[in-house]
Amino acid sequence: MTRFDGRKYDEIRPVKITRAYTEIPEGSVLIEVGKTKVLCTASVEERVPPFQKGTGNGWVTAEYSMLPRATGVRNQREATRGRIGGRTMEIQRLIGRSLRSVVDVSKLGERTIWLDCDVL
């Protein structure tokens, strides 16, 4: 038995990772899993959130967004609605927490790494 895209039920979608996908940010990657594409860029800011000031520690945080036509039906941009939806907020929190669990923020100095993830 196969899935609608021809894969077997125990077969994963093809994964492709392209590093340095864009030139301007300090880091970037395009992640493709099947037809799903996510562009992630990392930017470094020479400051930290107020609760981290004076600690010598850095911070890692994330923003997530889905382009309006990333799905079958166009969705309105959350920015035009004036607030971030609950699902988007939870995805941002998950990305940020996951990264902070594997990054030693004491090694960053008082800098913030912003990871921007956009589903294309």
PDB file of N, CA and C in Angstrom:
ATOM      1  N   MET A   1       0.841  -1.176   0.000  1.00  0.00           N
ATOM      2  CA  MET A   1       0.000   0.000   0.000  1.00  0.00           C
ATOM      3  C   MET A   1       0.895   1.251   0.000  1.00  0.00           C
ATOM      4  N   THR A   2       0.476   2.263  -0.730  1.00  0.00           N
ATOM      5  CA  THR A   2       1.279   3.484  -0.814  1.00  0.00           C
ATOM      6  C   THR A   2       0.438   4.714  -0.482  1.00  0.00           C
ATOM      7  N   ARG A   3       1.139   5.801  -0.174  1.00  0.00           N
ATOM      8  CA  ARG A   3       0.494   7.085   0.098  1.00  0.00           C
ATOM      9  C   ARG A   3       0.144   7.761  -1.223  1.00  0.00           C
ATOM     10  N   PHE A   4      -0.585   8.881  -1.148  1.00  0.00           N
ATOM     11  CA  PHE A   4      -1.005   9.591  -2.359  1.00  0.00           C
ATOM     12  C   PHE A   4       0.177  10.097  -3.175  1.00  0.00           C
ATOM     13  N   ASP A   5       1.340  10.314  -2.517  1.00  0.00           N
ATOM     14  CA  ASP A   5       2.513  10.815  -3.246  1.00  0.00           C
ATOM     15  C   ASP A   5       3.436   9.687  -3.710  1.00  0.00           C
ATOM     16  N   GLY A   6       2.979   8.441  -3.562  1.00  0.00           N
ATOM     17  CA  GLY A   6       3.751   7.307  -4.053  1.00  0.00           C
ATOM     18  C   GLY A   6       4.669   6.656  -3.028  1.00  0.00           C
ATOM     19  N   ARG A   7       4.830   7.280  -1.845  1.00  0.00           N
ATOM     20  CA  ARG A   7       5.691   6.688  -0.815  1.00  0.00           C
ATOM     21  C   ARG A   7       4.982   5.534  -0.122  1.00  0.00           C
ATOM     22  N   LYS A   8       5.781   4.592   0.371  1.00  0.00           N
ATOM     23  CA  LYS A   8       5.236   3.527   1.207  1.00  0.00           C
ATOM     24  C   LYS A   8       4.873   4.131   2.563  1.00  0.00           C
ATOM     25  N   TYR A   9       4.015   3.466   3.311  1.00  0.00           N
ATOM     26  CA  TYR A   9       3.585   3.999   4.601  1.00  0.00           C
ATOM     27  C   TYR A   9       4.721   4.116   5.609  1.00  0.00           C
ATOM     28  N   ASP A  10       5.755   3.301   5.463  1.00  0.00           N
ATOM     29  CA  ASP A  10       6.893   3.379   6.396  1.00  0.00           C
ATOM     30  C   ASP A  10       8.056   4.198   5.825  1.00  0.00           C
ATOM     31  N   GLU A  11       7.819   4.902   4.732  1.00  0.00           N
ATOM     32  CA  GLU A  11       8.868   5.686   4.068  1.00  0.00           C
ATOM     33  C   GLU A  11       8.703   7.171   4.398  1.00  0.00           C
ATOM     34  N   ILE A  12       9.807   7.809   4.826  1.00  0.00           N
ATOM     35  CA  ILE A  12       9.741   9.233   5.152  1.00  0.00           C
ATOM     36  C   ILE A  12       9.867  10.082   3.889  1.00  0.00           C
ATOM     37  N   ARG A  13       9.446  11.326   4.008  1.00  0.00           N
ATOM     38  CA  ARG A  13       9.584  12.255   2.886  1.00  0.00           C
ATOM     39  C   ARG A  13      11.060  12.586   2.685  1.00  0.00           C
ATOM     40  N   PRO A  14      11.484  12.884   1.457  1.00  0.00           N
ATOM     41  CA  PRO A  14      12.883  13.258   1.227  1.00  0.00           C
ATOM     42  C   PRO A  14      13.213  14.558   1.961  1.00  0.00           C
ATOM     43  N   VAL A  15      14.426  14.618   2.523  1.00  0.00           N
ATOM     44  CA  VAL A  15      14.885  15.788   3.269  1.00  0.00           C
ATOM     45  C   VAL A  15      16.090  16.385   2.553  1.00  0.00           C
ATOM     46  N   LYS A  16      16.054  17.712   2.361  1.00  0.00           N
ATOM     47  CA  LYS A  16      17.179  18.420   1.752  1.00  0.00           C
ATOM     48  C   LYS A  16      17.446  19.670   2.583  1.00  0.00           C
ATOM     49  N   ILE A  17      18.708  19.895   2.937  1.00  0.00           N
ATOM     50  CA  ILE A  17      19.096  21.067   3.721  1.00  0.00           C
ATOM     51  C   ILE A  17      20.142  21.845   2.940  1.00  0.00           C
ATOM     52  N   THR A  18      19.854  23.109   2.671  1.00  0.00           N
ATOM     53  CA  THR A  18      20.780  23.973   1.938  1.00  0.00           C
ATOM     54  C   THR A  18      21.280  25.055   2.887  1.00  0.00           C
ATOM     55  N   ARG A  19      22.559  24.981   3.245  1.00  0.00           N
ATOM     56  CA  ARG A  19      23.159  25.962   4.150  1.00  0.00           C
ATOM     57  C   ARG A  19      23.525  27.232   3.392  1.00  0.00           C
ATOM     58  N   ALA A  20      23.661  28.335   4.149  1.00  0.00           N
ATOM     59  CA  ALA A  20      24.038  29.640   3.585  1.00  0.00           C
ATOM     60  C   ALA A  20      23.113  30.009   2.419  1.00  0.00           C
ATOM     61  N   TYR A  21      21.825  29.836   2.625  1.00  0.00           N
ATOM     62  CA  TYR A  21      20.850  30.058   1.562  1.00  0.00           C
ATOM     63  C   TYR A  21      20.714  31.536   1.199  1.00  0.00           C
ATOM     64  N   THR A  22      20.855  32.418   2.181  1.00  0.00           N
ATOM     65  CA  THR A  22      20.841  33.858   1.923  1.00  0.00           C
ATOM     66  C   THR A  22      22.159  34.458   2.400  1.00  0.00           C
ATOM     67  N   GLU A  23      22.509  35.621   1.883  1.00  0.00           N
ATOM     68  CA  GLU A  23      23.828  36.195   2.154  1.00  0.00           C
ATOM     69  C   GLU A  23      23.889  37.167   3.320  1.00  0.00           C
ATOM     70  N   ILE A  24      22.841  37.900   3.616  1.00  0.00           N
ATOM     71  CA  ILE A  24      22.932  38.999   4.570  1.00  0.00           C
ATOM     72  C   ILE A  24      22.964  38.554   6.038  1.00  0.00           C
ATOM     73  N   PRO A  25      22.086  37.663   6.502  1.00  0.00           N
ATOM     74  CA  PRO A  25      22.132  37.312   7.927  1.00  0.00           C
ATOM     75  C   PRO A  25      23.389  36.511   8.277  1.00  0.00           C
ATOM     76  N   GLU A  26      23.661  36.442   9.582  1.00  0.00           N
ATOM     77  CA  GLU A  26      24.843  35.704  10.043  1.00  0.00           C
ATOM     78  C   GLU A  26      24.770  34.215   9.703  1.00  0.00           C
ATOM     79  N   GLY A  27      23.589  33.692   9.570  1.00  0.00           N
ATOM     80  CA  GLY A  27      23.420  32.301   9.174  1.00  0.00           C
ATOM     81  C   GLY A  27      22.063  32.098   8.531  1.00  0.00           C
ATOM     82  N   SER A  28      21.974  31.120   7.639  1.00  0.00           N
ATOM     83  CA  SER A  28      20.681  30.816   7.027  1.00  0.00           C
ATOM     84  C   SER A  28      20.685  29.389   6.510  1.00  0.00           C
ATOM     85  N   VAL A  29      19.481  28.846   6.401  1.00  0.00           N
ATOM     86  CA  VAL A  29      19.322  27.494   5.890  1.00  0.00           C
ATOM     87  C   VAL A  29      17.925  27.373   5.279  1.00  0.00           C
ATOM     88  N   LEU A  30      17.844  26.644   4.179  1.00  0.00           N
ATOM     89  CA  LEU A  30      16.555  26.284   3.601  1.00  0.00           C
ATOM     90  C   LEU A  30      16.379  24.801   3.873  1.00  0.00           C
ATOM     91  N   ILE A  31      15.293  24.459   4.564  1.00  0.00           N
ATOM     92  CA  ILE A  31      15.011  23.064   4.889  1.00  0.00           C
ATOM     93  C   ILE A  31      13.813  22.631   4.057  1.00  0.00           C
ATOM     94  N   GLU A  32      13.991  21.555   3.306  1.00  0.00           N
ATOM     95  CA  GLU A  32      12.911  21.016   2.482  1.00  0.00           C
ATOM     96  C   GLU A  32      12.618  19.594   2.942  1.00  0.00           C
ATOM     97  N   VAL A  33      11.373  19.356   3.308  1.00  0.00           N
ATOM     98  CA  VAL A  33      10.925  18.018   3.688  1.00  0.00           C
ATOM     99  C   VAL A  33       9.736  17.718   2.790  1.00  0.00           C
ATOM    100  N   GLY A  34       9.989  16.923   1.765  1.00  0.00           N
ATOM    101  CA  GLY A  34       8.968  16.734   0.744  1.00  0.00           C
ATOM    102  C   GLY A  34       8.730  18.060   0.046  1.00  0.00           C
ATOM    103  N   LYS A  35       7.463  18.481  -0.021  1.00  0.00           N
ATOM    104  CA  LYS A  35       7.140  19.760  -0.662  1.00  0.00           C
ATOM    105  C   LYS A  35       7.113  20.924   0.332  1.00  0.00           C
ATOM    106  N   THR A  36       7.313  20.638   1.605  1.00  0.00           N
ATOM    107  CA  THR A  36       7.330  21.684   2.631  1.00  0.00           C
ATOM    108  C   THR A  36       8.699  22.341   2.656  1.00  0.00           C
ATOM    109  N   LYS A  37       8.711  23.678   2.607  1.00  0.00           N
ATOM    110  CA  LYS A  37       9.976  24.424   2.620  1.00  0.00           C
ATOM    111  C   LYS A  37       9.930  25.448   3.745  1.00  0.00           C
ATOM    112  N   VAL A  38      11.012  25.493   4.529  1.00  0.00           N
ATOM    113  CA  VAL A  38      11.122  26.455   5.619  1.00  0.00           C
ATOM    114  C   VAL A  38      12.461  27.166   5.491  1.00  0.00           C
ATOM    115  N   LEU A  39      12.413  28.490   5.454  1.00  0.00           N
ATOM    116  CA  LEU A  39      13.628  29.297   5.422  1.00  0.00           C
ATOM    117  C   LEU A  39      13.891  29.792   6.836  1.00  0.00           C
ATOM    118  N   CYS A  40      15.077  29.506   7.361  1.00  0.00           N
ATOM    119  CA  CYS A  40      15.467  29.967   8.691  1.00  0.00           C
ATOM    120  C   CYS A  40      16.710  30.834   8.565  1.00  0.00           C
ATOM    121  N   THR A  41      16.659  32.005   9.194  1.00  0.00           N
ATOM    122  CA  THR A  41      17.828  32.877   9.221  1.00  0.00           C
ATOM    123  C   THR A  41      18.169  33.169  10.675  1.00  0.00           C
ATOM    124  N   ALA A  42      19.465  33.304  10.949  1.00  0.00           N
ATOM    125  CA  ALA A  42      19.936  33.631  12.294  1.00  0.00           C
ATOM    126  C   ALA A  42      20.612  34.990  12.248  1.00  0.00           C
ATOM    127  N   SER A  43      20.209  35.865  13.157  1.00  0.00           N
ATOM    128  CA  SER A  43      20.784  37.206  13.258  1.00  0.00           C
ATOM    129  C   SER A  43      21.280  37.413  14.682  1.00  0.00           C
ATOM    130  N   VAL A  44      22.392  38.122  14.821  1.00  0.00           N
ATOM    131  CA  VAL A  44      22.966  38.391  16.141  1.00  0.00           C
ATOM    132  C   VAL A  44      22.795  39.864  16.466  1.00  0.00           C
ATOM    133  N   GLU A  45      22.265  40.127  17.653  1.00  0.00           N
ATOM    134  CA  GLU A  45      22.093  41.494  18.149  1.00  0.00           C
ATOM    135  C   GLU A  45      23.005  41.691  19.343  1.00  0.00           C
ATOM    136  N   GLU A  46      23.647  42.824  19.431  1.00  0.00           N
ATOM    137  CA  GLU A  46      24.578  43.106  20.523  1.00  0.00           C
ATOM    138  C   GLU A  46      23.841  43.618  21.761  1.00  0.00           C
ATOM    139  N   ARG A  47      22.776  42.946  22.140  1.00  0.00           N
ATOM    140  CA  ARG A  47      22.033  43.276  23.355  1.00  0.00           C
ATOM    141  C   ARG A  47      21.189  42.076  23.751  1.00  0.00           C
ATOM    142  N   VAL A  48      20.701  42.119  24.973  1.00  0.00           N
ATOM    143  CA  VAL A  48      19.871  41.035  25.485  1.00  0.00           C
ATOM    144  C   VAL A  48      18.570  41.610  26.041  1.00  0.00           C
ATOM    145  N   PRO A  49      17.581  40.757  26.288  1.00  0.00           N
ATOM    146  CA  PRO A  49      16.347  41.236  26.917  1.00  0.00           C
ATOM    147  C   PRO A  49      16.657  41.807  28.312  1.00  0.00           C
ATOM    148  N   PRO A  50      15.812  42.694  28.816  1.00  0.00           N
ATOM    149  CA  PRO A  50      16.065  43.334  30.112  1.00  0.00           C
ATOM    150  C   PRO A  50      16.374  42.361  31.253  1.00  0.00           C
ATOM    151  N   PHE A  51      15.707  41.211  31.294  1.00  0.00           N
ATOM    152  CA  PHE A  51      15.940  40.273  32.394  1.00  0.00           C
ATOM    153  C   PHE A  51      17.316  39.603  32.330  1.00  0.00           C
ATOM    154  N   GLN A  52      18.024  39.720  31.207  1.00  0.00           N
ATOM    155  CA  GLN A  52      19.361  39.137  31.065  1.00  0.00           C
ATOM    156  C   GLN A  52      20.471  40.181  31.220  1.00  0.00           C
ATOM    157  N   LYS A  53      20.121  41.463  31.267  1.00  0.00           N
ATOM    158  CA  LYS A  53      21.140  42.515  31.368  1.00  0.00           C
ATOM    159  C   LYS A  53      21.945  42.361  32.647  1.00  0.00           C
ATOM    160  N   GLY A  54      23.264  42.496  32.499  1.00  0.00           N
ATOM    161  CA  GLY A  54      24.157  42.427  33.648  1.00  0.00           C
ATOM    162  C   GLY A  54      24.515  41.024  34.093  1.00  0.00           C
ATOM    163  N   THR A  55      23.971  40.006  33.435  1.00  0.00           N
ATOM    164  CA  THR A  55      24.267  38.620  33.831  1.00  0.00           C
ATOM    165  C   THR A  55      25.487  38.062  33.117  1.00  0.00           C
ATOM    166  N   GLY A  56      25.858  38.701  32.003  1.00  0.00           N
ATOM    167  CA  GLY A  56      26.945  38.166  31.183  1.00  0.00           C
ATOM    168  C   GLY A  56      26.478  37.075  30.235  1.00  0.00           C
ATOM    169  N   ASN A  57      25.213  36.684  30.357  1.00  0.00           N
ATOM    170  CA  ASN A  57      24.657  35.628  29.509  1.00  0.00           C
ATOM    171  C   ASN A  57      23.961  36.209  28.292  1.00  0.00           C
ATOM    172  N   GLY A  58      23.913  35.411  27.247  1.00  0.00           N
ATOM    173  CA  GLY A  58      23.184  35.786  26.053  1.00  0.00           C
ATOM    174  C   GLY A  58      21.792  35.202  26.069  1.00  0.00           C
ATOM    175  N   TRP A  59      21.132  35.277  24.928  1.00  0.00           N
ATOM    176  CA  TRP A  59      19.769  34.770  24.812  1.00  0.00           C
ATOM    177  C   TRP A  59      19.561  34.268  23.394  1.00  0.00           C
ATOM    178  N   VAL A  60      18.700  33.292  23.240  1.00  0.00           N
ATOM    179  CA  VAL A  60      18.322  32.763  21.930  1.00  0.00           C
ATOM    180  C   VAL A  60      16.802  32.786  21.869  1.00  0.00           C
ATOM    181  N   THR A  61      16.268  33.352  20.815  1.00  0.00           N
ATOM    182  CA  THR A  61      14.824  33.428  20.676  1.00  0.00           C
ATOM    183  C   THR A  61      14.444  33.207  19.213  1.00  0.00           C
ATOM    184  N   ALA A  62      13.164  33.007  18.969  1.00  0.00           N
ATOM    185  CA  ALA A  62      12.732  32.685  17.606  1.00  0.00           C
ATOM    186  C   ALA A  62      11.442  33.402  17.251  1.00  0.00           C
ATOM    187  N   GLU A  63      11.288  33.655  15.971  1.00  0.00           N
ATOM    188  CA  GLU A  63      10.022  34.117  15.418  1.00  0.00           C
ATOM    189  C   GLU A  63       9.658  33.171  14.281  1.00  0.00           C
ATOM    190  N   TYR A  64       8.374  32.884  14.185  1.00  0.00           N
ATOM    191  CA  TYR A  64       7.875  31.924  13.198  1.00  0.00           C
ATOM    192  C   TYR A  64       6.728  32.568  12.437  1.00  0.00           C
ATOM    193  N   SER A  65       6.665  32.261  11.163  1.00  0.00           N
ATOM    194  CA  SER A  65       5.564  32.767  10.351  1.00  0.00           C
ATOM    195  C   SER A  65       5.321  31.819   9.187  1.00  0.00           C
ATOM    196  N   MET A  66       4.110  31.868   8.703  1.00  0.00           N
ATOM    197  CA  MET A  66       3.759  31.087   7.528  1.00  0.00           C
ATOM    198  C   MET A  66       3.307  32.076   6.459  1.00  0.00           C
ATOM    199  N   LEU A  67       3.902  32.013   5.292  1.00  0.00           N
ATOM    200  CA  LEU A  67       3.483  32.909   4.219  1.00  0.00           C
ATOM    201  C   LEU A  67       2.003  32.683   3.917  1.00  0.00           C
ATOM    202  N   PRO A  68       1.290  33.729   3.514  1.00  0.00           N
ATOM    203  CA  PRO A  68      -0.149  33.620   3.303  1.00  0.00           C
ATOM    204  C   PRO A  68      -0.567  32.468   2.390  1.00  0.00           C
ATOM    205  N   ARG A  69       0.216  32.159   1.396  1.00  0.00           N
ATOM    206  CA  ARG A  69      -0.183  31.110   0.449  1.00  0.00           C
ATOM    207  C   ARG A  69       0.658  29.843   0.618  1.00  0.00           C
ATOM    208  N   ALA A  70       1.169  29.616   1.822  1.00  0.00           N
ATOM    209  CA  ALA A  70       1.944  28.405   2.082  1.00  0.00           C
ATOM    210  C   ALA A  70       1.043  27.173   2.167  1.00  0.00           C
ATOM    211  N   THR A  71      -0.260  27.384   2.227  1.00  0.00           N
ATOM    212  CA  THR A  71      -1.218  26.282   2.291  1.00  0.00           C
ATOM    213  C   THR A  71      -2.158  26.357   1.091  1.00  0.00           C
ATOM    214  N   GLY A  72      -3.101  25.445   1.035  1.00  0.00           N
ATOM    215  CA  GLY A  72      -4.023  25.391  -0.091  1.00  0.00           C
ATOM    216  C   GLY A  72      -4.905  26.614  -0.239  1.00  0.00           C
ATOM    217  N   VAL A  73      -5.191  27.272   0.871  1.00  0.00           N
ATOM    218  CA  VAL A  73      -6.035  28.462   0.870  1.00  0.00           C
ATOM    219  C   VAL A  73      -5.234  29.613   1.468  1.00  0.00           C
ATOM    220  N   ARG A  74      -5.317  30.790   0.853  1.00  0.00           N
ATOM    221  CA  ARG A  74      -4.558  31.937   1.363  1.00  0.00           C
ATOM    222  C   ARG A  74      -5.062  32.340   2.742  1.00  0.00           C
ATOM    223  N   ASN A  75      -4.127  32.502   3.674  1.00  0.00           N
ATOM    224  CA  ASN A  75      -4.441  32.982   5.017  1.00  0.00           C
ATOM    225  C   ASN A  75      -3.952  34.415   5.159  1.00  0.00           C
ATOM    226  N   GLN A  76      -4.697  35.218   5.884  1.00  0.00           N
ATOM    227  CA  GLN A  76      -4.292  36.602   6.124  1.00  0.00           C
ATOM    228  C   GLN A  76      -3.048  36.618   7.015  1.00  0.00           C
ATOM    229  N   ARG A  77      -2.117  37.525   6.728  1.00  0.00           N
ATOM    230  CA  ARG A  77      -0.926  37.659   7.571  1.00  0.00           C
ATOM    231  C   ARG A  77      -1.361  38.052   8.979  1.00  0.00           C
ATOM    232  N   GLU A  78      -0.730  37.427   9.969  1.00  0.00           N
ATOM    233  CA  GLU A  78      -1.086  37.738  11.350  1.00  0.00           C
ATOM    234  C   GLU A  78      -0.773  39.185  11.696  1.00  0.00           C
ATOM    235  N   ALA A  79       0.274  39.735  11.087  1.00  0.00           N
ATOM    236  CA  ALA A  79       0.650  41.123  11.373  1.00  0.00           C
ATOM    237  C   ALA A  79      -0.470  42.090  10.996  1.00  0.00           C
ATOM    238  N   THR A  80      -1.235  41.768   9.955  1.00  0.00           N
ATOM    239  CA  THR A  80      -2.323  42.666   9.546  1.00  0.00           C
ATOM    240  C   THR A  80      -3.523  42.546  10.480  1.00  0.00           C
ATOM    241  N   ARG A  81      -3.598  41.446  11.208  1.00  0.00           N
ATOM    242  CA  ARG A  81      -4.690  41.279  12.181  1.00  0.00           C
ATOM    243  C   ARG A  81      -4.368  41.964  13.500  1.00  0.00           C
ATOM    244  N   GLY A  82      -3.102  42.325  13.687  1.00  0.00           N
ATOM    245  CA  GLY A  82      -2.721  43.054  14.891  1.00  0.00           C
ATOM    246  C   GLY A  82      -2.245  42.205  16.048  1.00  0.00           C
ATOM    247  N   ARG A  83      -2.321  40.885  15.934  1.00  0.00           N
ATOM    248  CA  ARG A  83      -1.806  40.032  17.007  1.00  0.00           C
ATOM    249  C   ARG A  83      -1.448  38.658  16.459  1.00  0.00           C
ATOM    250  N   ILE A  84      -0.554  38.019  17.181  1.00  0.00           N
ATOM    251  CA  ILE A  84      -0.098  36.684  16.791  1.00  0.00           C
ATOM    252  C   ILE A  84      -1.095  35.660  17.317  1.00  0.00           C
ATOM    253  N   GLY A  85      -1.402  34.671  16.488  1.00  0.00           N
ATOM    254  CA  GLY A  85      -2.314  33.613  16.894  1.00  0.00           C
ATOM    255  C   GLY A  85      -1.684  32.662  17.902  1.00  0.00           C
ATOM    256  N   GLY A  86      -2.516  31.931  18.611  1.00  0.00           N
ATOM    257  CA  GLY A  86      -2.044  31.000  19.632  1.00  0.00           C
ATOM    258  C   GLY A  86      -1.124  29.922  19.085  1.00  0.00           C
ATOM    259  N   ARG A  87      -1.453  29.375  17.934  1.00  0.00           N
ATOM    260  CA  ARG A  87      -0.625  28.324  17.328  1.00  0.00           C
ATOM    261  C   ARG A  87       0.758  28.863  16.986  1.00  0.00           C
ATOM    262  N   THR A  88       0.801  30.045  16.379  1.00  0.00           N
ATOM    263  CA  THR A  88       2.073  30.666  16.018  1.00  0.00           C
ATOM    264  C   THR A  88       2.905  30.933  17.261  1.00  0.00           C
ATOM    265  N   MET A  89       2.281  31.453  18.315  1.00  0.00           N
ATOM    266  CA  MET A  89       2.990  31.739  19.562  1.00  0.00           C
ATOM    267  C   MET A  89       3.592  30.459  20.143  1.00  0.00           C
ATOM    268  N   GLU A  90       2.835  29.382  20.146  1.00  0.00           N
ATOM    269  CA  GLU A  90       3.344  28.121  20.690  1.00  0.00           C
ATOM    270  C   GLU A  90       4.497  27.570  19.857  1.00  0.00           C
ATOM    271  N   ILE A  91       4.418  27.694  18.533  1.00  0.00           N
ATOM    272  CA  ILE A  91       5.516  27.234  17.675  1.00  0.00           C
ATOM    273  C   ILE A  91       6.762  28.061  17.950  1.00  0.00           C
ATOM    274  N   GLN A  92       6.621  29.386  18.072  1.00  0.00           N
ATOM    275  CA  GLN A  92       7.767  30.246  18.391  1.00  0.00           C
ATOM    276  C   GLN A  92       8.392  29.838  19.712  1.00  0.00           C
ATOM    277  N   ARG A  93       7.565  29.611  20.721  1.00  0.00           N
ATOM    278  CA  ARG A  93       8.066  29.207  22.041  1.00  0.00           C
ATOM    279  C   ARG A  93       8.788  27.870  21.968  1.00  0.00           C
ATOM    280  N   LEU A  94       8.220  26.935  21.220  1.00  0.00           N
ATOM    281  CA  LEU A  94       8.845  25.621  21.079  1.00  0.00           C
ATOM    282  C   LEU A  94      10.223  25.734  20.435  1.00  0.00           C
ATOM    283  N   ILE A  95      10.329  26.521  19.375  1.00  0.00           N
ATOM    284  CA  ILE A  95      11.621  26.702  18.702  1.00  0.00           C
ATOM    285  C   ILE A  95      12.620  27.342  19.660  1.00  0.00           C
ATOM    286  N   GLY A  96      12.218  28.419  20.332  1.00  0.00           N
ATOM    287  CA  GLY A  96      13.109  29.109  21.264  1.00  0.00           C
ATOM    288  C   GLY A  96      13.569  28.213  22.396  1.00  0.00           C
ATOM    289  N   ARG A  97      12.645  27.501  23.035  1.00  0.00           N
ATOM    290  CA  ARG A  97      13.006  26.598  24.141  1.00  0.00           C
ATOM    291  C   ARG A  97      13.923  25.479  23.668  1.00  0.00           C
ATOM    292  N   SER A  98      13.625  24.935  22.504  1.00  0.00           N
ATOM    293  CA  SER A  98      14.460  23.847  21.974  1.00  0.00           C
ATOM    294  C   SER A  98      15.886  24.318  21.756  1.00  0.00           C
ATOM    295  N   LEU A  99      16.043  25.500  21.179  1.00  0.00           N
ATOM    296  CA  LEU A  99      17.389  26.029  20.935  1.00  0.00           C
ATOM    297  C   LEU A  99      18.111  26.356  22.238  1.00  0.00           C
ATOM    298  N   ARG A 100      17.404  26.975  23.194  1.00  0.00           N
ATOM    299  CA  ARG A 100      18.048  27.306  24.469  1.00  0.00           C
ATOM    300  C   ARG A 100      18.474  26.063  25.228  1.00  0.00           C
ATOM    301  N   SER A 101      17.810  24.932  24.979  1.00  0.00           N
ATOM    302  CA  SER A 101      18.184  23.697  25.675  1.00  0.00           C
ATOM    303  C   SER A 101      19.494  23.112  25.156  1.00  0.00           C
ATOM    304  N   VAL A 102      19.938  23.550  23.979  1.00  0.00           N
ATOM    305  CA  VAL A 102      21.177  23.005  23.402  1.00  0.00           C
ATOM    306  C   VAL A 102      22.264  24.058  23.197  1.00  0.00           C
ATOM    307  N   VAL A 103      21.974  25.324  23.519  1.00  0.00           N
ATOM    308  CA  VAL A 103      22.955  26.399  23.376  1.00  0.00           C
ATOM    309  C   VAL A 103      23.395  26.843  24.767  1.00  0.00           C
ATOM    310  N   ASP A 104      24.693  26.938  24.980  1.00  0.00           N
ATOM    311  CA  ASP A 104      25.231  27.439  26.244  1.00  0.00           C
ATOM    312  C   ASP A 104      25.220  28.962  26.179  1.00  0.00           C
ATOM    313  N   VAL A 105      24.163  29.574  26.720  1.00  0.00           N
ATOM    314  CA  VAL A 105      24.010  31.022  26.615  1.00  0.00           C
ATOM    315  C   VAL A 105      25.100  31.780  27.373  1.00  0.00           C
ATOM    316  N   SER A 106      25.794  31.106  28.290  1.00  0.00           N
ATOM    317  CA  SER A 106      26.885  31.772  29.017  1.00  0.00           C
ATOM    318  C   SER A 106      28.078  32.037  28.104  1.00  0.00           C
ATOM    319  N   LYS A 107      28.139  31.357  26.981  1.00  0.00           N
ATOM    320  CA  LYS A 107      29.241  31.533  26.024  1.00  0.00           C
ATOM    321  C   LYS A 107      28.961  32.649  25.009  1.00  0.00           C
ATOM    322  N   LEU A 108      27.751  33.170  24.981  1.00  0.00           N
ATOM    323  CA  LEU A 108      27.371  34.171  23.981  1.00  0.00           C
ATOM    324  C   LEU A 108      27.753  35.594  24.366  1.00  0.00           C
ATOM    325  N   GLY A 109      28.072  35.822  25.639  1.00  0.00           N
ATOM    326  CA  GLY A 109      28.194  37.199  26.090  1.00  0.00           C
ATOM    327  C   GLY A 109      26.797  37.805  26.051  1.00  0.00           C
ATOM    328  N   GLU A 110      26.683  39.094  26.257  1.00  0.00           N
ATOM    329  CA  GLU A 110      25.352  39.703  26.260  1.00  0.00           C
ATOM    330  C   GLU A 110      24.905  40.012  24.831  1.00  0.00           C
ATOM    331  N   ARG A 111      24.582  38.940  24.131  1.00  0.00           N
ATOM    332  CA  ARG A 111      24.105  39.007  22.746  1.00  0.00           C
ATOM    333  C   ARG A 111      22.839  38.158  22.621  1.00  0.00           C
ATOM    334  N   THR A 112      22.018  38.521  21.668  1.00  0.00           N
ATOM    335  CA  THR A 112      20.820  37.739  21.380  1.00  0.00           C
ATOM    336  C   THR A 112      20.931  37.174  19.975  1.00  0.00           C
ATOM    337  N   ILE A 113      20.640  35.896  19.854  1.00  0.00           N
ATOM    338  CA  ILE A 113      20.526  35.264  18.538  1.00  0.00           C
ATOM    339  C   ILE A 113      19.037  35.144  18.237  1.00  0.00           C
ATOM    340  N   TRP A 114      18.635  35.765  17.147  1.00  0.00           N
ATOM    341  CA  TRP A 114      17.254  35.698  16.671  1.00  0.00           C
ATOM    342  C   TRP A 114      17.191  34.688  15.538  1.00  0.00           C
ATOM    343  N   LEU A 115      16.336  33.692  15.673  1.00  0.00           N
ATOM    344  CA  LEU A 115      16.109  32.748  14.590  1.00  0.00           C
ATOM    345  C   LEU A 115      14.736  33.050  13.998  1.00  0.00           C
ATOM    346  N   ASP A 116      14.715  33.424  12.736  1.00  0.00           N
ATOM    347  CA  ASP A 116      13.463  33.698  12.031  1.00  0.00           C
ATOM    348  C   ASP A 116      13.160  32.522  11.115  1.00  0.00           C
ATOM    349  N   CYS A 117      12.016  31.888  11.335  1.00  0.00           N
ATOM    350  CA  CYS A 117      11.626  30.711  10.559  1.00  0.00           C
ATOM    351  C   CYS A 117      10.348  31.028   9.786  1.00  0.00           C
ATOM    352  N   ASP A 118      10.413  30.899   8.487  1.00  0.00           N
ATOM    353  CA  ASP A 118       9.268  31.210   7.638  1.00  0.00           C
ATOM    354  C   ASP A 118       8.923  30.025   6.753  1.00  0.00           C
ATOM    355  N   VAL A 119       7.699  29.532   6.905  1.00  0.00           N
ATOM    356  CA  VAL A 119       7.224  28.451   6.049  1.00  0.00           C
ATOM    357  C   VAL A 119       6.857  29.071   4.713  1.00  0.00           C
ATOM    358  N   LEU A 120       7.493  28.572   3.660  1.00  0.00           N
ATOM    359  CA  LEU A 120       7.249  29.091   2.324  1.00  0.00           C
ATOM    360  C   LEU A 120       6.164  28.274   1.666  1.00  0.00           C
TER     361      LEU A 120
END
